[in-house]
Amino acid sequence: MRQVEKGKFGSLPIRIYRVLTGRSIHGRDNVVAYTFLSIPLIYFSLFFFLPISMDFLGSLYEGPSLISEGAKFIGLGNYAKILRDQTFLSSLRATFFFMLGTTGVSVALALFLAVLLNEKLMFRGIMRSIIFFPFMTSLVIIALIWSVIYDADVGLLNWLFIKVGLPPQGWISDPNTALISMVIMSIWWETGYNMVIFLAGLQGIPQEYYDAASVDGANALQSFRYVTLPLLAPATFFVVIISFFNSCQAFIQPYVLTQGGPSQATNLAVFNIYNVAFLHLRLGEASAMAFFIFLIVLLVTATLFRFWRTEVEY
């Protein structure tokens, strides 16, 4: 058994198998364990590692496609092109501000709502469901609804503005407000999901910690600062990572609401890759853009994993 656990693949798969099945590894069970663990390995290989590898390979060629007769190997030439492409650089800036606004506000708002609705309030179950409901709805439908709300002529927001004596706004037709309007819609869509994660984290905090803080003279704000926030660190980390991923991959929002306009104000990175690949048929450059963004996301995620402390001891 000791030889099996210290075999070629290390002891981690053995420990995973033991936790999931409650059985120890003996002889032929080694085959069962690795067969069992091969399912997620095959999944990630087919739908994660292989596409990324093909994308990087495609970024090294110039032509309509990697398998076409006109494909020409140019090495890192596509990367040099995209770093001089002002449209691509503009899409990165728009994506950064979109990510900053969506992630920052939705995480903070979700935490506030989770703390509020974790208390014994009347109709809190109904309020939780109402807040979570947008995330259960297709993002395409959400975007279509908000496109009507933002309409400059018949939209609900401008109707309300006129009723209170304010001038109507071109919410998604004005370059100054289009990206902000898209951020607001995205916050409304994903806050409910983040709130549910925070609620799960809050309900996992033992009441004894709050009782001890109360005995030590801590008020509600101090209990939140020194008990709730540290113990919510794992949930906060998860919510930030998921919200960051959603923002970096945003495509439906600009596709349905603005088509990347006006004046490329909402031309987010993934939508720009779509245009370069399928409208302009520059697949090598599109592959380079996709792989470049993958590297940025990988770097940011690795940095968060390295420096964000999620384990708390009391």
Protein backbone atom coordinates (compact mmCIF):
# COMPACT_ATOMS: atom_id res chain seq x y z
CA MET A 1 0.00 0.00 0.00
CA ARG A 2 2.81 2.39 0.81
CA GLN A 3 4.35 1.80 -2.60
CA VAL A 4 1.05 2.53 -4.29
CA GLU A 5 0.55 5.80 -2.43
CA LYS A 6 4.06 6.99 -3.30
CA GLY A 7 3.85 5.91 -6.90
CA LYS A 8 4.32 7.83 -10.08
CA PHE A 9 1.32 10.10 -9.65
CA GLY A 10 1.90 10.98 -5.99
CA SER A 11 -0.41 10.58 -3.05
CA LEU A 12 -2.98 13.32 -3.87
CA PRO A 13 -5.17 11.20 -6.21
CA ILE A 14 -5.08 8.41 -3.64
CA ARG A 15 -6.26 10.75 -0.89
CA ILE A 16 -9.04 12.09 -3.13
CA TYR A 17 -10.21 8.57 -3.93
CA ARG A 18 -10.13 7.62 -0.25
CA VAL A 19 -12.17 10.69 0.77
CA LEU A 20 -14.79 10.17 -1.96
CA THR A 21 -15.21 6.43 -1.51
CA GLY A 22 -14.19 5.85 2.10
CA ARG A 23 -11.92 3.02 0.99
CA SER A 24 -8.19 2.48 1.19
CA ILE A 25 -6.09 1.47 -1.80
CA HIS A 26 -5.21 -2.22 -2.00
CA GLY A 27 -3.68 -3.81 -5.11
CA ARG A 28 -6.25 -3.81 -7.90
CA ASP A 29 -8.04 -0.81 -6.38
CA ASN A 30 -5.24 1.32 -7.78
CA VAL A 31 -6.69 0.78 -11.27
CA VAL A 32 -10.18 1.67 -10.02
CA ALA A 33 -8.90 4.84 -8.38
CA TYR A 34 -7.15 6.18 -11.44
CA THR A 35 -10.04 5.15 -13.69
CA PHE A 36 -12.37 7.08 -11.42
CA LEU A 37 -10.10 10.14 -11.47
CA SER A 38 -9.56 9.96 -15.22
CA ILE A 39 -13.07 11.33 -15.89
CA PRO A 40 -12.32 14.94 -14.81
CA LEU A 41 -8.84 14.62 -16.31
CA ILE A 42 -10.31 13.73 -19.72
CA TYR A 43 -12.87 16.52 -19.40
CA PHE A 44 -10.28 19.21 -18.66
CA SER A 45 -7.98 17.86 -21.35
CA LEU A 46 -10.67 18.01 -24.05
CA PHE A 47 -12.38 21.24 -23.07
CA PHE A 48 -9.58 23.25 -21.45
CA PHE A 49 -5.99 22.23 -22.17
CA LEU A 50 -6.56 21.17 -25.80
CA PRO A 51 -8.46 24.36 -26.82
CA ILE A 52 -5.83 26.56 -25.16
CA SER A 53 -3.03 24.66 -26.93
CA MET A 54 -4.81 24.96 -30.28
CA ASP A 55 -5.42 28.65 -29.69
CA PHE A 56 -1.72 29.27 -29.00
CA LEU A 57 -0.77 27.24 -32.07
CA GLY A 58 -3.20 29.22 -34.21
CA SER A 59 -1.76 32.50 -32.93
CA LEU A 60 1.57 31.61 -34.54
CA TYR A 61 0.08 31.50 -38.05
CA GLU A 62 -1.28 34.06 -40.46
CA GLY A 63 -4.16 33.09 -42.71
CA PRO A 64 -7.91 32.42 -42.76
CA SER A 65 -7.42 29.32 -40.58
CA LEU A 66 -4.72 27.06 -39.21
CA ILE A 67 -5.59 24.20 -41.57
CA SER A 68 -6.04 26.28 -44.73
CA GLU A 69 -3.55 26.16 -47.57
CA GLY A 70 -2.71 29.84 -47.16
CA ALA A 71 -1.68 29.55 -43.52
CA LYS A 72 1.79 30.97 -43.00
CA PHE A 73 3.93 30.52 -39.89
CA ILE A 74 4.97 33.94 -38.57
CA GLY A 75 5.94 33.09 -34.98
CA LEU A 76 5.12 35.91 -32.57
CA GLY A 77 4.22 38.29 -35.39
CA ASN A 78 0.53 38.34 -34.47
CA TYR A 79 1.39 39.36 -30.92
CA ALA A 80 3.43 42.28 -32.25
CA LYS A 81 0.44 43.31 -34.39
CA ILE A 82 -2.13 43.25 -31.60
CA LEU A 83 0.11 45.24 -29.24
CA ARG A 84 0.15 47.99 -31.89
CA ASP A 85 -3.59 47.66 -32.56
CA GLN A 86 -5.31 50.65 -30.96
CA THR A 87 -8.71 48.95 -31.19
CA PHE A 88 -7.46 45.98 -29.19
CA LEU A 89 -5.76 48.20 -26.62
CA SER A 90 -8.95 50.24 -26.31
CA SER A 91 -10.92 47.02 -25.73
CA LEU A 92 -8.53 46.08 -22.93
CA ARG A 93 -9.06 49.45 -21.25
CA ALA A 94 -12.85 49.13 -21.58
CA THR A 95 -12.70 45.60 -20.15
CA PHE A 96 -10.57 46.79 -17.24
CA PHE A 97 -13.02 49.52 -16.26
CA PHE A 98 -15.96 47.16 -16.81
CA MET A 99 -14.32 44.55 -14.58
CA LEU A 100 -13.40 47.09 -11.92
CA GLY A 101 -16.90 48.51 -11.72
CA THR A 102 -18.80 45.23 -11.95
CA THR A 103 -16.61 43.22 -9.58
CA GLY A 104 -16.07 45.96 -7.01
CA VAL A 105 -19.68 47.10 -6.72
CA SER A 106 -21.35 43.70 -7.04
CA VAL A 107 -19.12 42.11 -4.38
CA ALA A 108 -19.61 44.99 -1.92
CA LEU A 109 -23.37 45.16 -2.57
CA ALA A 110 -23.73 41.37 -2.29
CA LEU A 111 -21.91 41.38 1.05
CA PHE A 112 -24.17 44.15 2.38
CA LEU A 113 -27.33 42.34 1.26
CA ALA A 114 -26.09 39.01 2.65
CA VAL A 115 -25.40 40.52 6.09
CA LEU A 116 -28.78 42.27 6.02
CA LEU A 117 -30.78 39.24 4.91
CA ASN A 118 -28.94 36.93 7.30
CA GLU A 119 -30.84 38.64 10.11
CA LYS A 120 -34.28 37.49 11.19
CA LEU A 121 -36.31 39.87 9.01
CA MET A 122 -39.88 39.52 7.86
CA PHE A 123 -40.15 38.12 4.31
CA ARG A 124 -36.39 37.62 4.09
CA GLY A 125 -36.90 34.41 2.10
CA ILE A 126 -38.95 36.28 -0.50
CA MET A 127 -36.40 39.09 -0.67
CA ARG A 128 -33.56 36.60 -1.15
CA SER A 129 -35.46 34.96 -4.01
CA ILE A 130 -36.22 38.30 -5.69
CA ILE A 131 -32.55 39.35 -5.57
CA PHE A 132 -31.33 35.97 -6.82
CA PHE A 133 -33.93 35.69 -9.59
CA PRO A 134 -32.05 37.77 -12.25
CA PHE A 135 -29.09 35.39 -12.14
CA MET A 136 -31.42 32.46 -12.88
CA THR A 137 -32.62 34.20 -16.03
CA SER A 138 -30.77 33.98 -19.34
CA LEU A 139 -28.34 36.86 -19.75
CA VAL A 140 -29.63 37.40 -23.30
CA ILE A 141 -33.13 38.00 -21.94
CA ILE A 142 -31.75 40.28 -19.23
CA ALA A 143 -29.87 42.32 -21.83
CA LEU A 144 -32.95 42.60 -24.05
CA ILE A 145 -35.01 43.85 -21.11
CA TRP A 146 -32.39 46.43 -20.19
CA SER A 147 -32.10 47.56 -23.81
CA VAL A 148 -35.78 48.56 -23.59
CA ILE A 149 -35.24 50.21 -20.20
CA TYR A 150 -32.30 52.20 -21.61
CA ASP A 151 -34.07 53.18 -24.87
CA ALA A 152 -33.64 56.92 -25.43
CA ASP A 153 -37.18 57.39 -26.79
CA VAL A 154 -39.48 54.93 -25.02
CA GLY A 155 -37.27 53.64 -22.21
CA LEU A 156 -38.45 53.44 -18.62
CA LEU A 157 -35.49 55.41 -17.23
CA ASN A 158 -36.02 58.42 -19.47
CA TRP A 159 -39.76 58.29 -18.74
CA LEU A 160 -38.95 58.52 -15.03
CA PHE A 161 -36.44 61.32 -15.66
CA ILE A 162 -39.04 63.34 -17.56
CA LYS A 163 -41.61 62.77 -14.79
CA VAL A 164 -39.28 64.27 -12.17
CA GLY A 165 -38.20 67.15 -14.40
CA LEU A 166 -34.78 65.85 -15.49
CA PRO A 167 -33.54 65.81 -19.09
CA PRO A 168 -33.58 62.40 -20.83
CA GLN A 169 -30.27 60.63 -21.35
CA GLY A 170 -28.82 58.54 -24.14
CA TRP A 171 -27.90 55.71 -21.80
CA ILE A 172 -26.43 53.30 -24.33
CA SER A 173 -26.17 55.71 -27.25
CA ASP A 174 -23.86 58.19 -25.50
CA PRO A 175 -20.15 57.25 -25.23
CA ASN A 176 -20.01 58.91 -21.81
CA THR A 177 -22.72 56.73 -20.27
CA ALA A 178 -22.77 53.52 -22.35
CA LEU A 179 -20.12 51.61 -20.39
CA ILE A 180 -21.54 52.73 -17.03
CA SER A 181 -25.01 51.60 -18.14
CA MET A 182 -23.61 48.20 -19.08
CA VAL A 183 -21.89 47.94 -15.69
CA ILE A 184 -25.16 48.71 -13.89
CA MET A 185 -26.97 45.96 -15.80
CA SER A 186 -24.21 43.44 -15.04
CA ILE A 187 -24.24 44.35 -11.34
CA TRP A 188 -28.00 43.81 -11.21
CA TRP A 189 -27.58 40.43 -12.92
CA GLU A 190 -24.80 38.86 -10.81
CA THR A 191 -25.28 40.41 -7.35
CA GLY A 192 -27.83 37.77 -6.36
CA TYR A 193 -25.41 34.92 -7.01
CA ASN A 194 -22.67 36.61 -5.00
CA MET A 195 -25.14 37.24 -2.19
CA VAL A 196 -26.03 33.54 -1.97
CA ILE A 197 -22.34 32.60 -1.66
CA PHE A 198 -21.88 35.15 1.12
CA LEU A 199 -25.02 33.88 2.87
CA ALA A 200 -23.61 30.37 2.84
CA GLY A 201 -20.38 31.69 4.34
CA LEU A 202 -22.19 33.68 7.02
CA GLN A 203 -24.29 30.72 8.09
CA GLY A 204 -21.11 28.69 8.52
CA ILE A 205 -19.70 31.07 11.14
CA PRO A 206 -20.31 29.69 14.66
CA GLN A 207 -22.34 31.95 16.94
CA GLU A 208 -19.79 31.35 19.70
CA TYR A 209 -17.35 33.75 18.03
CA TYR A 210 -19.89 36.59 18.17
CA ASP A 211 -20.73 35.75 21.78
CA ALA A 212 -17.05 35.87 22.70
CA ALA A 213 -16.64 39.22 20.92
CA SER A 214 -19.67 40.58 22.76
CA VAL A 215 -18.23 39.50 26.09
CA ASP A 216 -15.01 41.33 25.19
CA GLY A 217 -17.03 44.51 24.61
CA ALA A 218 -17.11 44.55 20.81
CA ASN A 219 -19.95 46.43 19.17
CA ALA A 220 -21.70 45.38 15.94
CA LEU A 221 -19.20 47.18 13.70
CA GLN A 222 -16.21 45.70 15.52
CA SER A 223 -17.72 42.20 15.36
CA PHE A 224 -18.15 42.62 11.63
CA ARG A 225 -14.59 43.90 11.22
CA TYR A 226 -12.79 41.35 13.39
CA VAL A 227 -15.06 38.28 13.17
CA THR A 228 -17.26 38.33 10.07
CA LEU A 229 -14.79 39.65 7.50
CA PRO A 230 -11.88 37.34 8.41
CA LEU A 231 -14.08 34.25 8.52
CA LEU A 232 -15.67 35.22 5.20
CA ALA A 233 -12.27 35.37 3.51
CA PRO A 234 -12.69 32.06 1.60
CA ALA A 235 -16.18 33.04 0.38
CA THR A 236 -14.96 36.53 -0.55
CA PHE A 237 -12.05 35.07 -2.48
CA PHE A 238 -14.36 32.77 -4.43
CA VAL A 239 -16.82 35.56 -5.21
CA VAL A 240 -14.07 37.92 -6.40
CA ILE A 241 -12.55 35.25 -8.66
CA ILE A 242 -15.90 34.27 -10.22
CA SER A 243 -16.93 37.91 -10.73
CA PHE A 244 -13.53 38.64 -12.26
CA PHE A 245 -13.92 35.72 -14.69
CA ASN A 246 -17.44 36.82 -15.66
CA SER A 247 -16.25 40.36 -16.36
CA CYS A 248 -13.29 39.26 -18.47
CA GLN A 249 -15.52 36.96 -20.54
CA ALA A 250 -18.37 39.46 -21.01
CA PHE A 251 -19.79 39.13 -24.52
CA ILE A 252 -23.59 39.11 -24.36
CA GLN A 253 -23.75 42.62 -22.85
CA PRO A 254 -22.05 44.50 -25.71
CA TYR A 255 -23.44 42.14 -28.37
CA VAL A 256 -27.08 42.75 -27.39
CA LEU A 257 -26.97 46.27 -25.98
CA THR A 258 -24.51 48.28 -28.06
CA GLN A 259 -22.63 46.18 -30.64
CA GLY A 260 -19.46 47.60 -29.10
CA GLY A 261 -20.42 51.24 -29.67
CA PRO A 262 -20.87 54.08 -29.53
CA SER A 263 -17.35 55.09 -30.61
CA GLN A 264 -16.04 51.71 -29.30
CA ALA A 265 -16.86 52.77 -25.74
CA THR A 266 -18.25 49.30 -24.94
CA ASN A 267 -16.04 47.24 -27.25
CA LEU A 268 -15.02 44.71 -24.61
CA ALA A 269 -12.12 42.32 -25.24
CA VAL A 270 -14.10 39.15 -26.04
CA PHE A 271 -16.50 41.05 -28.30
CA ASN A 272 -13.51 42.55 -30.11
CA ILE A 273 -12.03 39.06 -30.60
CA TYR A 274 -15.35 37.93 -32.07
CA ASN A 275 -15.29 40.80 -34.57
CA VAL A 276 -11.67 40.19 -35.58
CA ALA A 277 -12.19 36.44 -36.00
CA PHE A 278 -15.62 36.14 -37.61
CA LEU A 279 -16.21 39.51 -39.28
CA HIS A 280 -12.70 40.33 -40.48
CA LEU A 281 -11.49 36.68 -40.69
CA ARG A 282 -8.13 37.47 -39.09
CA LEU A 283 -8.06 34.27 -37.07
CA GLY A 284 -4.35 34.41 -36.26
CA GLU A 285 -4.68 37.82 -34.64
CA ALA A 286 -7.87 36.77 -32.87
CA SER A 287 -6.09 33.70 -31.46
CA ALA A 288 -3.22 35.91 -30.28
CA MET A 289 -5.70 38.27 -28.58
CA ALA A 290 -7.46 35.36 -26.87
CA PHE A 291 -4.20 33.82 -25.64
CA PHE A 292 -2.90 37.21 -24.48
CA ILE A 293 -6.05 37.75 -22.41
CA PHE A 294 -5.75 34.20 -21.06
CA LEU A 295 -2.24 35.02 -19.85
CA ILE A 296 -3.49 38.20 -18.14
CA VAL A 297 -6.29 36.30 -16.40
CA LEU A 298 -3.87 33.54 -15.40
CA LEU A 299 -1.41 36.09 -13.96
CA VAL A 300 -4.08 37.95 -11.99
CA THR A 301 -5.57 34.72 -10.66
CA ALA A 302 -2.17 33.33 -9.65
CA THR A 303 -1.38 36.62 -7.87
CA LEU A 304 -4.66 36.48 -5.96
CA PHE A 305 -4.00 32.87 -4.96
CA ARG A 306 -0.50 33.83 -3.85
CA PHE A 307 -1.27 36.86 -1.73
CA TRP A 308 -4.92 36.51 -0.67
CA ARG A 309 -4.97 34.76 2.65
CA THR A 310 -8.17 32.73 3.00
CA GLU A 311 -7.31 30.63 6.07
CA VAL A 312 -8.13 32.14 9.44
CA GLU A 313 -7.25 30.77 12.87
CA TYR A 314 -8.78 31.80 16.18
